[in-house]
Amino acid sequence: MAKKKAIKKAARPVKSAARASSASKVAHKVVKKKPVAKPVAPKAASPQKLVVPKPELVVPKPEVVEPENPARKKGVRKATITTGIRDAKPVRKLGRSRIPVDAPLDVVFQNDLQAKEAFMFLGIHSIRELEHFNPDDLVLRLTGPAKLTVGRIRKILAMNNRCLTGDEEFALEFQELLSRPRE
């Protein structure tokens, strides 16, 4: 180890007490040096074997193409792979169906006579056929013929100088339309 050098304090002017104490603290600090690594001499090779350095060959590594959907690891259950993947909000599902797909609508809606009449009008006989419609489409199919029928009733009444309650304006416009000469 290196020997510590003695610090000489002679011939210094007298300083104030605060300066003197800080100066003495600075003077007492000893800076430790990091040990320097000594070079190690290589071991001498035995006379029986001579080591000849081999030239290094650079062999290009083949590129590994990873599939977009990596296959499941062998021996790992699928549940453990997807356990951490969750949607932000779980989707609520209806659950298992209580009636079969091919169940006749007459049996399922046996207490609802109006629904049975609507199914007869639409020509639907099973749950499978009914599920192909959305609610708005069913309303249009059921109300469309009724609207056309009411329109025909209004026109026939207007031609005979009659009208429904509050429908006089339509009857007058329709009579005027009929009285115009065709071009």
N, C-alpha and C. Protein backbone atom coordinates (compact mmCIF):
# COMPACT_ATOMS: atom_id res chain seq x y z
N MET A 1 0.83 -1.17 0.00
CA MET A 1 0.00 0.00 0.00
C MET A 1 0.87 1.24 0.00
N ALA A 2 0.30 2.29 -0.49
CA ALA A 2 1.07 3.54 -0.54
C ALA A 2 1.12 4.14 0.86
N LYS A 3 2.23 4.78 1.16
CA LYS A 3 2.40 5.41 2.47
C LYS A 3 1.73 6.77 2.45
N LYS A 4 1.18 7.14 3.60
CA LYS A 4 0.54 8.44 3.72
C LYS A 4 1.59 9.51 3.89
N LYS A 5 1.39 10.61 3.20
CA LYS A 5 2.35 11.71 3.29
C LYS A 5 1.97 12.58 4.48
N ALA A 6 2.97 13.03 5.18
CA ALA A 6 2.74 13.90 6.33
C ALA A 6 2.47 15.31 5.83
N ILE A 7 1.49 15.95 6.45
CA ILE A 7 1.13 17.30 6.03
C ILE A 7 1.81 18.27 6.99
N LYS A 8 2.51 19.23 6.42
CA LYS A 8 3.19 20.24 7.22
C LYS A 8 2.27 21.42 7.42
N LYS A 9 2.22 21.91 8.70
CA LYS A 9 1.36 23.04 9.01
C LYS A 9 2.17 24.26 9.46
N ALA A 10 3.38 24.30 9.25
CA ALA A 10 4.21 25.40 9.72
C ALA A 10 4.13 26.58 8.77
N ALA A 11 4.35 27.75 9.27
CA ALA A 11 4.44 29.01 8.54
C ALA A 11 3.14 29.40 7.87
N ARG A 12 2.06 29.05 8.46
CA ARG A 12 0.77 29.49 7.92
C ARG A 12 0.26 30.61 8.82
N PRO A 13 -0.35 31.60 8.23
CA PRO A 13 -0.89 32.68 9.05
C PRO A 13 -2.10 32.20 9.85
N VAL A 14 -2.37 32.82 10.93
CA VAL A 14 -3.47 32.44 11.82
C VAL A 14 -4.78 32.94 11.19
N LYS A 15 -5.74 32.06 11.13
CA LYS A 15 -7.03 32.40 10.51
C LYS A 15 -8.08 32.44 11.60
N SER A 16 -9.25 32.86 11.23
CA SER A 16 -10.33 32.89 12.20
C SER A 16 -10.68 31.47 12.61
N ALA A 17 -11.41 31.31 13.71
CA ALA A 17 -11.71 29.99 14.26
C ALA A 17 -12.54 29.16 13.28
N ALA A 18 -13.50 29.77 12.61
CA ALA A 18 -14.35 29.03 11.68
C ALA A 18 -13.56 28.57 10.48
N ARG A 19 -12.70 29.42 9.97
CA ARG A 19 -11.88 29.07 8.81
C ARG A 19 -10.85 28.03 9.20
N ALA A 20 -10.35 28.13 10.38
CA ALA A 20 -9.30 27.21 10.82
C ALA A 20 -9.87 25.80 10.95
N SER A 21 -11.09 25.67 11.48
CA SER A 21 -11.66 24.33 11.66
C SER A 21 -11.98 23.71 10.31
N SER A 22 -12.48 24.51 9.35
CA SER A 22 -12.78 23.94 8.04
C SER A 22 -11.50 23.61 7.30
N ALA A 23 -10.48 24.38 7.49
CA ALA A 23 -9.21 24.10 6.82
C ALA A 23 -8.60 22.84 7.38
N SER A 24 -8.76 22.60 8.69
CA SER A 24 -8.18 21.40 9.27
C SER A 24 -8.94 20.16 8.81
N LYS A 25 -10.25 20.30 8.59
CA LYS A 25 -11.03 19.15 8.10
C LYS A 25 -10.58 18.79 6.70
N VAL A 26 -10.33 19.78 5.88
CA VAL A 26 -9.89 19.53 4.52
C VAL A 26 -8.51 18.89 4.53
N ALA A 27 -7.65 19.34 5.43
CA ALA A 27 -6.28 18.83 5.47
C ALA A 27 -6.25 17.39 5.93
N HIS A 28 -7.21 16.95 6.74
CA HIS A 28 -7.19 15.58 7.27
C HIS A 28 -7.79 14.56 6.31
N LYS A 29 -8.44 15.02 5.26
CA LYS A 29 -9.00 14.07 4.30
C LYS A 29 -7.89 13.40 3.53
N VAL A 30 -8.03 12.10 3.41
CA VAL A 30 -7.03 11.34 2.66
C VAL A 30 -7.75 10.70 1.48
N VAL A 31 -7.23 10.93 0.32
CA VAL A 31 -7.83 10.38 -0.87
C VAL A 31 -7.23 9.02 -1.12
N LYS A 32 -8.11 8.02 -1.20
CA LYS A 32 -7.63 6.67 -1.47
C LYS A 32 -7.59 6.45 -2.96
N LYS A 33 -6.55 5.83 -3.40
CA LYS A 33 -6.42 5.54 -4.82
C LYS A 33 -6.93 4.13 -5.08
N LYS A 34 -7.47 3.96 -6.26
CA LYS A 34 -7.93 2.64 -6.65
C LYS A 34 -6.72 1.80 -6.99
N PRO A 35 -6.75 0.54 -6.61
CA PRO A 35 -5.59 -0.30 -6.93
C PRO A 35 -5.49 -0.53 -8.44
N VAL A 36 -4.30 -0.51 -8.91
CA VAL A 36 -4.05 -0.70 -10.34
C VAL A 36 -3.83 -2.19 -10.58
N ALA A 37 -4.49 -2.71 -11.59
CA ALA A 37 -4.35 -4.13 -11.90
C ALA A 37 -2.99 -4.36 -12.53
N LYS A 38 -2.32 -5.36 -12.01
CA LYS A 38 -1.00 -5.68 -12.54
C LYS A 38 -1.16 -6.59 -13.75
N PRO A 39 -0.36 -6.38 -14.76
CA PRO A 39 -0.46 -7.26 -15.93
C PRO A 39 -0.03 -8.67 -15.56
N VAL A 40 -0.81 -9.63 -16.00
CA VAL A 40 -0.52 -11.03 -15.70
C VAL A 40 0.24 -11.61 -16.88
N ALA A 41 1.35 -12.23 -16.58
CA ALA A 41 2.16 -12.83 -17.64
C ALA A 41 1.50 -14.13 -18.08
N PRO A 42 1.41 -14.39 -19.38
CA PRO A 42 0.79 -15.62 -19.84
C PRO A 42 1.64 -16.82 -19.45
N LYS A 43 0.95 -17.89 -19.17
CA LYS A 43 1.66 -19.11 -18.80
C LYS A 43 2.39 -19.66 -20.01
N ALA A 44 3.52 -20.19 -19.74
CA ALA A 44 4.32 -20.78 -20.82
C ALA A 44 3.71 -22.10 -21.22
N ALA A 45 3.62 -22.31 -22.51
CA ALA A 45 3.05 -23.55 -23.01
C ALA A 45 4.03 -24.68 -22.80
N SER A 46 3.48 -25.83 -22.55
CA SER A 46 4.36 -26.97 -22.33
C SER A 46 5.05 -27.32 -23.65
N PRO A 47 6.24 -27.87 -23.58
CA PRO A 47 6.99 -28.15 -24.81
C PRO A 47 6.32 -29.24 -25.65
N GLN A 48 5.41 -30.00 -25.07
CA GLN A 48 4.81 -31.10 -25.83
C GLN A 48 3.75 -30.58 -26.81
N LYS A 49 2.97 -29.57 -26.38
CA LYS A 49 1.89 -29.07 -27.22
C LYS A 49 2.14 -27.62 -27.57
N LEU A 50 2.00 -27.31 -28.81
CA LEU A 50 2.05 -25.92 -29.24
C LEU A 50 0.64 -25.50 -29.64
N VAL A 51 0.20 -24.40 -29.09
CA VAL A 51 -1.14 -23.92 -29.38
C VAL A 51 -1.05 -22.93 -30.53
N VAL A 52 -1.73 -23.28 -31.61
CA VAL A 52 -1.75 -22.42 -32.78
C VAL A 52 -3.14 -21.80 -32.85
N PRO A 53 -3.19 -20.47 -32.85
CA PRO A 53 -4.52 -19.84 -32.90
C PRO A 53 -5.20 -20.14 -34.23
N LYS A 54 -6.48 -20.53 -34.13
CA LYS A 54 -7.25 -20.85 -35.34
C LYS A 54 -7.88 -19.57 -35.87
N PRO A 55 -7.87 -19.42 -37.18
CA PRO A 55 -8.55 -18.25 -37.73
C PRO A 55 -10.07 -18.41 -37.54
N GLU A 56 -10.70 -17.33 -37.14
CA GLU A 56 -12.14 -17.37 -36.90
C GLU A 56 -12.90 -17.25 -38.22
N LEU A 57 -13.81 -18.16 -38.42
CA LEU A 57 -14.64 -18.12 -39.61
C LEU A 57 -15.96 -17.45 -39.26
N VAL A 58 -16.38 -16.53 -40.08
CA VAL A 58 -17.64 -15.85 -39.85
C VAL A 58 -18.69 -16.55 -40.72
N VAL A 59 -19.58 -17.23 -40.04
CA VAL A 59 -20.64 -17.94 -40.74
C VAL A 59 -21.93 -17.15 -40.53
N PRO A 60 -22.59 -16.74 -41.61
CA PRO A 60 -23.84 -15.98 -41.42
C PRO A 60 -24.91 -16.89 -40.83
N LYS A 61 -25.61 -16.35 -39.83
CA LYS A 61 -26.67 -17.12 -39.19
C LYS A 61 -27.92 -17.07 -40.06
N PRO A 62 -28.57 -18.20 -40.24
CA PRO A 62 -29.80 -18.17 -41.03
C PRO A 62 -30.89 -17.39 -40.29
N GLU A 63 -31.63 -16.61 -41.07
CA GLU A 63 -32.69 -15.79 -40.47
C GLU A 63 -33.86 -16.69 -40.10
N VAL A 64 -34.33 -16.50 -38.90
CA VAL A 64 -35.46 -17.27 -38.43
C VAL A 64 -36.72 -16.44 -38.65
N VAL A 65 -37.64 -16.97 -39.45
CA VAL A 65 -38.88 -16.27 -39.73
C VAL A 65 -39.91 -16.73 -38.72
N GLU A 66 -40.39 -15.78 -37.91
CA GLU A 66 -41.38 -16.11 -36.90
C GLU A 66 -42.76 -15.94 -37.50
N PRO A 67 -43.62 -16.91 -37.32
CA PRO A 67 -44.99 -16.77 -37.85
C PRO A 67 -45.74 -15.68 -37.10
N GLU A 68 -46.74 -15.09 -37.78
CA GLU A 68 -47.50 -14.00 -37.15
C GLU A 68 -48.27 -14.51 -35.94
N ASN A 69 -48.85 -15.68 -36.05
CA ASN A 69 -49.56 -16.28 -34.93
C ASN A 69 -48.70 -17.41 -34.41
N PRO A 70 -47.89 -17.17 -33.39
CA PRO A 70 -47.03 -18.24 -32.93
C PRO A 70 -47.84 -19.42 -32.41
N ALA A 71 -47.36 -20.60 -32.72
CA ALA A 71 -48.05 -21.81 -32.31
C ALA A 71 -47.99 -21.94 -30.80
N ARG A 72 -48.92 -22.68 -30.27
CA ARG A 72 -48.98 -22.88 -28.84
C ARG A 72 -47.76 -23.68 -28.40
N LYS A 73 -47.19 -23.29 -27.27
CA LYS A 73 -46.03 -24.01 -26.76
C LYS A 73 -46.45 -25.39 -26.31
N LYS A 74 -45.60 -26.34 -26.56
CA LYS A 74 -45.92 -27.71 -26.21
C LYS A 74 -45.96 -27.85 -24.70
N GLY A 75 -46.98 -28.49 -24.21
CA GLY A 75 -47.09 -28.75 -22.79
C GLY A 75 -47.70 -27.61 -22.00
N VAL A 76 -48.05 -26.50 -22.66
CA VAL A 76 -48.64 -25.37 -21.95
C VAL A 76 -50.12 -25.34 -22.30
N ARG A 77 -50.95 -25.28 -21.30
CA ARG A 77 -52.37 -25.24 -21.55
C ARG A 77 -52.76 -23.92 -22.20
N LYS A 78 -53.77 -23.98 -23.03
CA LYS A 78 -54.22 -22.78 -23.72
C LYS A 78 -54.72 -21.73 -22.73
N ALA A 79 -55.31 -22.17 -21.65
CA ALA A 79 -55.83 -21.21 -20.67
C ALA A 79 -54.71 -20.38 -20.06
N THR A 80 -53.55 -20.96 -19.88
CA THR A 80 -52.46 -20.18 -19.29
C THR A 80 -51.90 -19.17 -20.27
N ILE A 81 -52.02 -19.45 -21.56
CA ILE A 81 -51.50 -18.51 -22.55
C ILE A 81 -52.41 -17.29 -22.64
N THR A 82 -53.71 -17.51 -22.61
CA THR A 82 -54.64 -16.40 -22.81
C THR A 82 -55.18 -15.83 -21.51
N THR A 83 -54.69 -16.26 -20.38
CA THR A 83 -55.24 -15.80 -19.11
C THR A 83 -55.11 -14.29 -18.95
N GLY A 84 -54.00 -13.71 -19.36
CA GLY A 84 -53.79 -12.28 -19.17
C GLY A 84 -54.52 -11.42 -20.16
N ILE A 85 -55.09 -12.00 -21.22
CA ILE A 85 -55.75 -11.22 -22.24
C ILE A 85 -57.23 -11.11 -21.89
N ARG A 86 -57.66 -9.91 -21.59
CA ARG A 86 -59.05 -9.67 -21.23
C ARG A 86 -59.54 -8.42 -21.96
N ASP A 87 -60.82 -8.42 -22.29
CA ASP A 87 -61.42 -7.22 -22.84
C ASP A 87 -61.60 -6.22 -21.70
N ALA A 88 -61.70 -4.96 -22.07
CA ALA A 88 -61.87 -3.93 -21.05
C ALA A 88 -63.19 -4.14 -20.29
N LYS A 89 -64.24 -4.50 -21.02
CA LYS A 89 -65.53 -4.70 -20.39
C LYS A 89 -66.07 -6.05 -20.88
N PRO A 90 -66.31 -6.99 -20.00
CA PRO A 90 -66.80 -8.28 -20.46
C PRO A 90 -68.19 -8.16 -21.08
N VAL A 91 -68.38 -8.87 -22.19
CA VAL A 91 -69.64 -8.81 -22.91
C VAL A 91 -70.64 -9.74 -22.24
N ARG A 92 -71.82 -9.24 -22.01
CA ARG A 92 -72.86 -10.04 -21.39
C ARG A 92 -73.54 -10.87 -22.47
N LYS A 93 -73.69 -12.16 -22.23
CA LYS A 93 -74.29 -13.06 -23.21
C LYS A 93 -75.62 -13.57 -22.69
N LEU A 94 -76.44 -14.06 -23.63
CA LEU A 94 -77.76 -14.56 -23.26
C LEU A 94 -77.69 -15.87 -22.50
N GLY A 95 -76.70 -16.66 -22.77
CA GLY A 95 -76.59 -17.96 -22.12
C GLY A 95 -77.17 -19.05 -23.01
N ARG A 96 -77.33 -20.20 -22.43
CA ARG A 96 -77.82 -21.35 -23.18
C ARG A 96 -79.31 -21.18 -23.49
N SER A 97 -79.68 -21.53 -24.71
CA SER A 97 -81.06 -21.39 -25.15
C SER A 97 -81.95 -22.40 -24.44
N ARG A 98 -83.15 -21.96 -24.12
CA ARG A 98 -84.09 -22.84 -23.41
C ARG A 98 -85.05 -23.54 -24.37
N ILE A 99 -85.07 -23.08 -25.63
CA ILE A 99 -85.92 -23.75 -26.62
C ILE A 99 -85.07 -24.12 -27.84
N PRO A 100 -85.37 -25.23 -28.49
CA PRO A 100 -84.58 -25.63 -29.67
C PRO A 100 -84.83 -24.70 -30.86
N VAL A 101 -83.90 -24.71 -31.80
CA VAL A 101 -83.98 -23.83 -32.96
C VAL A 101 -85.15 -24.22 -33.87
N ASP A 102 -85.43 -25.49 -33.97
CA ASP A 102 -86.49 -25.95 -34.87
C ASP A 102 -87.84 -26.09 -34.17
N ALA A 103 -88.00 -25.48 -33.02
CA ALA A 103 -89.27 -25.56 -32.29
C ALA A 103 -90.35 -24.80 -33.07
N PRO A 104 -91.55 -25.37 -33.18
CA PRO A 104 -92.63 -24.66 -33.88
C PRO A 104 -93.10 -23.46 -33.07
N LEU A 105 -93.37 -22.35 -33.78
CA LEU A 105 -93.79 -21.11 -33.11
C LEU A 105 -95.15 -21.26 -32.44
N ASP A 106 -96.00 -22.17 -32.96
CA ASP A 106 -97.32 -22.37 -32.34
C ASP A 106 -97.19 -22.88 -30.91
N VAL A 107 -96.16 -23.70 -30.65
CA VAL A 107 -95.96 -24.26 -29.32
C VAL A 107 -95.34 -23.21 -28.39
N VAL A 108 -94.36 -22.47 -28.90
CA VAL A 108 -93.66 -21.49 -28.07
C VAL A 108 -94.59 -20.33 -27.70
N PHE A 109 -95.43 -19.88 -28.65
CA PHE A 109 -96.32 -18.74 -28.42
C PHE A 109 -97.78 -19.21 -28.31
N GLN A 110 -98.01 -20.30 -27.62
CA GLN A 110 -99.36 -20.87 -27.57
C GLN A 110 -100.37 -19.99 -26.84
N ASN A 111 -99.93 -19.11 -25.96
CA ASN A 111 -100.85 -18.23 -25.22
C ASN A 111 -101.03 -16.86 -25.87
N ASP A 112 -100.27 -16.55 -26.93
CA ASP A 112 -100.33 -15.24 -27.58
C ASP A 112 -100.96 -15.39 -28.96
N LEU A 113 -102.25 -15.14 -29.04
CA LEU A 113 -102.98 -15.33 -30.31
C LEU A 113 -102.57 -14.32 -31.37
N GLN A 114 -102.28 -13.07 -30.98
CA GLN A 114 -101.87 -12.05 -31.95
C GLN A 114 -100.53 -12.40 -32.57
N ALA A 115 -99.60 -12.92 -31.77
CA ALA A 115 -98.30 -13.31 -32.31
C ALA A 115 -98.48 -14.48 -33.29
N LYS A 116 -99.35 -15.43 -32.95
CA LYS A 116 -99.60 -16.56 -33.84
C LYS A 116 -100.19 -16.10 -35.17
N GLU A 117 -101.10 -15.10 -35.12
CA GLU A 117 -101.67 -14.56 -36.35
C GLU A 117 -100.61 -13.86 -37.18
N ALA A 118 -99.71 -13.10 -36.51
CA ALA A 118 -98.64 -12.42 -37.23
C ALA A 118 -97.72 -13.42 -37.91
N PHE A 119 -97.39 -14.53 -37.23
CA PHE A 119 -96.53 -15.54 -37.83
C PHE A 119 -97.21 -16.21 -39.02
N MET A 120 -98.52 -16.45 -38.91
CA MET A 120 -99.26 -17.02 -40.05
C MET A 120 -99.25 -16.05 -41.22
N PHE A 121 -99.45 -14.75 -40.95
CA PHE A 121 -99.45 -13.73 -41.99
C PHE A 121 -98.10 -13.66 -42.69
N LEU A 122 -97.01 -13.74 -41.90
CA LEU A 122 -95.66 -13.65 -42.48
C LEU A 122 -95.20 -14.97 -43.08
N GLY A 123 -95.85 -16.07 -42.75
CA GLY A 123 -95.45 -17.38 -43.28
C GLY A 123 -94.23 -17.95 -42.57
N ILE A 124 -94.10 -17.65 -41.29
CA ILE A 124 -92.97 -18.13 -40.49
C ILE A 124 -93.48 -19.25 -39.59
N HIS A 125 -92.71 -20.37 -39.53
CA HIS A 125 -93.18 -21.52 -38.76
C HIS A 125 -92.23 -21.98 -37.66
N SER A 126 -90.94 -21.56 -37.69
CA SER A 126 -89.99 -22.04 -36.67
C SER A 126 -89.17 -20.87 -36.12
N ILE A 127 -88.52 -21.15 -35.00
CA ILE A 127 -87.66 -20.15 -34.36
C ILE A 127 -86.52 -19.76 -35.30
N ARG A 128 -85.98 -20.71 -36.03
CA ARG A 128 -84.88 -20.44 -36.95
C ARG A 128 -85.29 -19.39 -37.98
N GLU A 129 -86.50 -19.52 -38.55
CA GLU A 129 -86.98 -18.55 -39.53
C GLU A 129 -87.22 -17.18 -38.89
N LEU A 130 -87.72 -17.18 -37.67
CA LEU A 130 -88.02 -15.93 -36.97
C LEU A 130 -86.75 -15.15 -36.63
N GLU A 131 -85.68 -15.86 -36.28
CA GLU A 131 -84.43 -15.19 -35.87
C GLU A 131 -83.74 -14.47 -37.02
N HIS A 132 -84.12 -14.73 -38.26
CA HIS A 132 -83.49 -14.05 -39.40
C HIS A 132 -83.98 -12.60 -39.55
N PHE A 133 -85.07 -12.26 -38.90
CA PHE A 133 -85.63 -10.91 -39.01
C PHE A 133 -85.12 -10.04 -37.86
N ASN A 134 -84.96 -8.73 -38.15
CA ASN A 134 -84.72 -7.80 -37.06
C ASN A 134 -86.06 -7.16 -36.70
N PRO A 135 -86.19 -6.54 -35.54
CA PRO A 135 -87.50 -6.02 -35.10
C PRO A 135 -88.12 -5.00 -36.06
N ASP A 136 -87.30 -4.10 -36.61
CA ASP A 136 -87.84 -3.08 -37.51
C ASP A 136 -88.41 -3.70 -38.78
N ASP A 137 -87.72 -4.74 -39.27
CA ASP A 137 -88.19 -5.41 -40.47
C ASP A 137 -89.54 -6.09 -40.22
N LEU A 138 -89.69 -6.69 -39.05
CA LEU A 138 -90.98 -7.31 -38.72
C LEU A 138 -92.09 -6.26 -38.66
N VAL A 139 -91.82 -5.10 -38.07
CA VAL A 139 -92.82 -4.04 -37.97
C VAL A 139 -93.22 -3.57 -39.37
N LEU A 140 -92.23 -3.37 -40.25
CA LEU A 140 -92.55 -2.92 -41.61
C LEU A 140 -93.37 -3.96 -42.36
N ARG A 141 -93.01 -5.22 -42.21
CA ARG A 141 -93.76 -6.27 -42.91
C ARG A 141 -95.19 -6.40 -42.38
N LEU A 142 -95.35 -6.20 -41.08
CA LEU A 142 -96.69 -6.33 -40.51
C LEU A 142 -97.55 -5.09 -40.73
N THR A 143 -96.95 -3.91 -40.70
CA THR A 143 -97.74 -2.68 -40.82
C THR A 143 -97.89 -2.21 -42.26
N GLY A 144 -97.02 -2.66 -43.13
CA GLY A 144 -97.09 -2.24 -44.54
C GLY A 144 -98.43 -2.53 -45.17
N PRO A 145 -98.92 -3.76 -45.12
CA PRO A 145 -100.23 -4.05 -45.72
C PRO A 145 -101.37 -3.27 -45.05
N ALA A 146 -101.27 -3.03 -43.74
CA ALA A 146 -102.32 -2.26 -43.05
C ALA A 146 -102.33 -0.83 -43.55
N LYS A 147 -101.15 -0.24 -43.76
CA LYS A 147 -101.07 1.13 -44.27
C LYS A 147 -101.66 1.21 -45.67
N LEU A 148 -101.35 0.22 -46.50
CA LEU A 148 -101.90 0.21 -47.86
C LEU A 148 -103.42 0.06 -47.84
N THR A 149 -103.92 -0.77 -46.95
CA THR A 149 -105.36 -0.97 -46.84
C THR A 149 -106.06 0.30 -46.40
N VAL A 150 -105.49 0.99 -45.42
CA VAL A 150 -106.08 2.26 -44.95
C VAL A 150 -106.05 3.29 -46.07
N GLY A 151 -104.98 3.32 -46.85
CA GLY A 151 -104.90 4.24 -47.99
C GLY A 151 -105.99 3.97 -49.01
N ARG A 152 -106.24 2.69 -49.32
CA ARG A 152 -107.31 2.35 -50.27
C ARG A 152 -108.68 2.75 -49.72
N ILE A 153 -108.89 2.57 -48.41
CA ILE A 153 -110.16 2.95 -47.78
C ILE A 153 -110.38 4.46 -47.92
N ARG A 154 -109.34 5.25 -47.68
CA ARG A 154 -109.46 6.71 -47.76
C ARG A 154 -109.80 7.15 -49.19
N LYS A 155 -109.18 6.51 -50.17
CA LYS A 155 -109.42 6.89 -51.57
C LYS A 155 -110.86 6.55 -52.00
N ILE A 156 -111.35 5.38 -51.61
CA ILE A 156 -112.69 4.97 -52.00
C ILE A 156 -113.73 5.89 -51.35
N LEU A 157 -113.50 6.26 -50.09
CA LEU A 157 -114.42 7.18 -49.42
C LEU A 157 -114.40 8.55 -50.10
N ALA A 158 -113.19 9.01 -50.48
CA ALA A 158 -113.09 10.33 -51.13
C ALA A 158 -113.79 10.32 -52.48
N MET A 159 -113.72 9.24 -53.22
CA MET A 159 -114.41 9.17 -54.51
C MET A 159 -115.94 9.21 -54.33
N ASN A 160 -116.41 8.79 -53.19
CA ASN A 160 -117.85 8.79 -52.91
C ASN A 160 -118.26 9.98 -52.03
N ASN A 161 -117.42 11.03 -52.02
CA ASN A 161 -117.68 12.26 -51.26
C ASN A 161 -117.87 11.99 -49.76
N ARG A 162 -117.10 11.10 -49.24
CA ARG A 162 -117.12 10.78 -47.81
C ARG A 162 -115.67 10.82 -47.30
N CYS A 163 -115.46 10.82 -45.96
CA CYS A 163 -114.10 10.80 -45.39
C CYS A 163 -114.13 10.29 -43.96
N LEU A 164 -112.98 9.94 -43.48
CA LEU A 164 -112.80 9.54 -42.08
C LEU A 164 -112.77 10.80 -41.23
N THR A 165 -112.86 10.65 -39.90
CA THR A 165 -112.86 11.79 -39.00
C THR A 165 -111.53 12.53 -39.11
N GLY A 166 -111.60 13.83 -39.39
CA GLY A 166 -110.40 14.67 -39.48
C GLY A 166 -109.62 14.45 -40.76
N ASP A 167 -110.22 13.80 -41.77
CA ASP A 167 -109.49 13.47 -43.00
C ASP A 167 -110.12 14.17 -44.20
N GLU A 168 -110.83 15.29 -43.97
CA GLU A 168 -111.48 16.00 -45.06
C GLU A 168 -110.48 16.60 -46.04
N GLU A 169 -109.34 17.06 -45.51
CA GLU A 169 -108.32 17.68 -46.36
C GLU A 169 -107.81 16.67 -47.39
N PHE A 170 -107.56 15.45 -46.99
CA PHE A 170 -107.10 14.42 -47.93
C PHE A 170 -108.18 14.14 -48.98
N ALA A 171 -109.45 14.07 -48.56
CA ALA A 171 -110.54 13.78 -49.50
C ALA A 171 -110.65 14.87 -50.55
N LEU A 172 -110.51 16.14 -50.17
CA LEU A 172 -110.59 17.24 -51.13
C LEU A 172 -109.42 17.20 -52.11
N GLU A 173 -108.20 16.96 -51.60
CA GLU A 173 -107.02 16.89 -52.48
C GLU A 173 -107.15 15.72 -53.45
N PHE A 174 -107.66 14.60 -52.99
CA PHE A 174 -107.78 13.42 -53.85
C PHE A 174 -108.85 13.66 -54.92
N GLN A 175 -109.96 14.32 -54.58
CA GLN A 175 -110.99 14.63 -55.57
C GLN A 175 -110.45 15.59 -56.62
N GLU A 176 -109.66 16.57 -56.18
CA GLU A 176 -109.06 17.52 -57.12
C GLU A 176 -108.10 16.81 -58.05
N LEU A 177 -107.34 15.88 -57.52
CA LEU A 177 -106.39 15.10 -58.33
C LEU A 177 -107.14 14.27 -59.38
N LEU A 178 -108.30 13.73 -59.04
CA LEU A 178 -109.07 12.92 -59.97
C LEU A 178 -109.74 13.78 -61.06
N SER A 179 -110.09 15.02 -60.71
CA SER A 179 -110.80 15.89 -61.66
C SER A 179 -109.86 16.53 -62.69
N ARG A 180 -108.58 16.51 -62.49
CA ARG A 180 -107.63 17.10 -63.46
C ARG A 180 -107.61 16.24 -64.72
N PRO A 181 -107.55 16.91 -65.85
CA PRO A 181 -107.44 16.13 -67.10
C PRO A 181 -106.06 15.53 -67.24
N ARG A 182 -105.99 14.35 -67.72
CA ARG A 182 -104.70 13.68 -67.94
C ARG A 182 -104.07 14.18 -69.21
N GLU A 183 -102.79 14.37 -69.16
CA GLU A 183 -102.09 14.89 -70.35
C GLU A 183 -101.41 13.80 -71.11
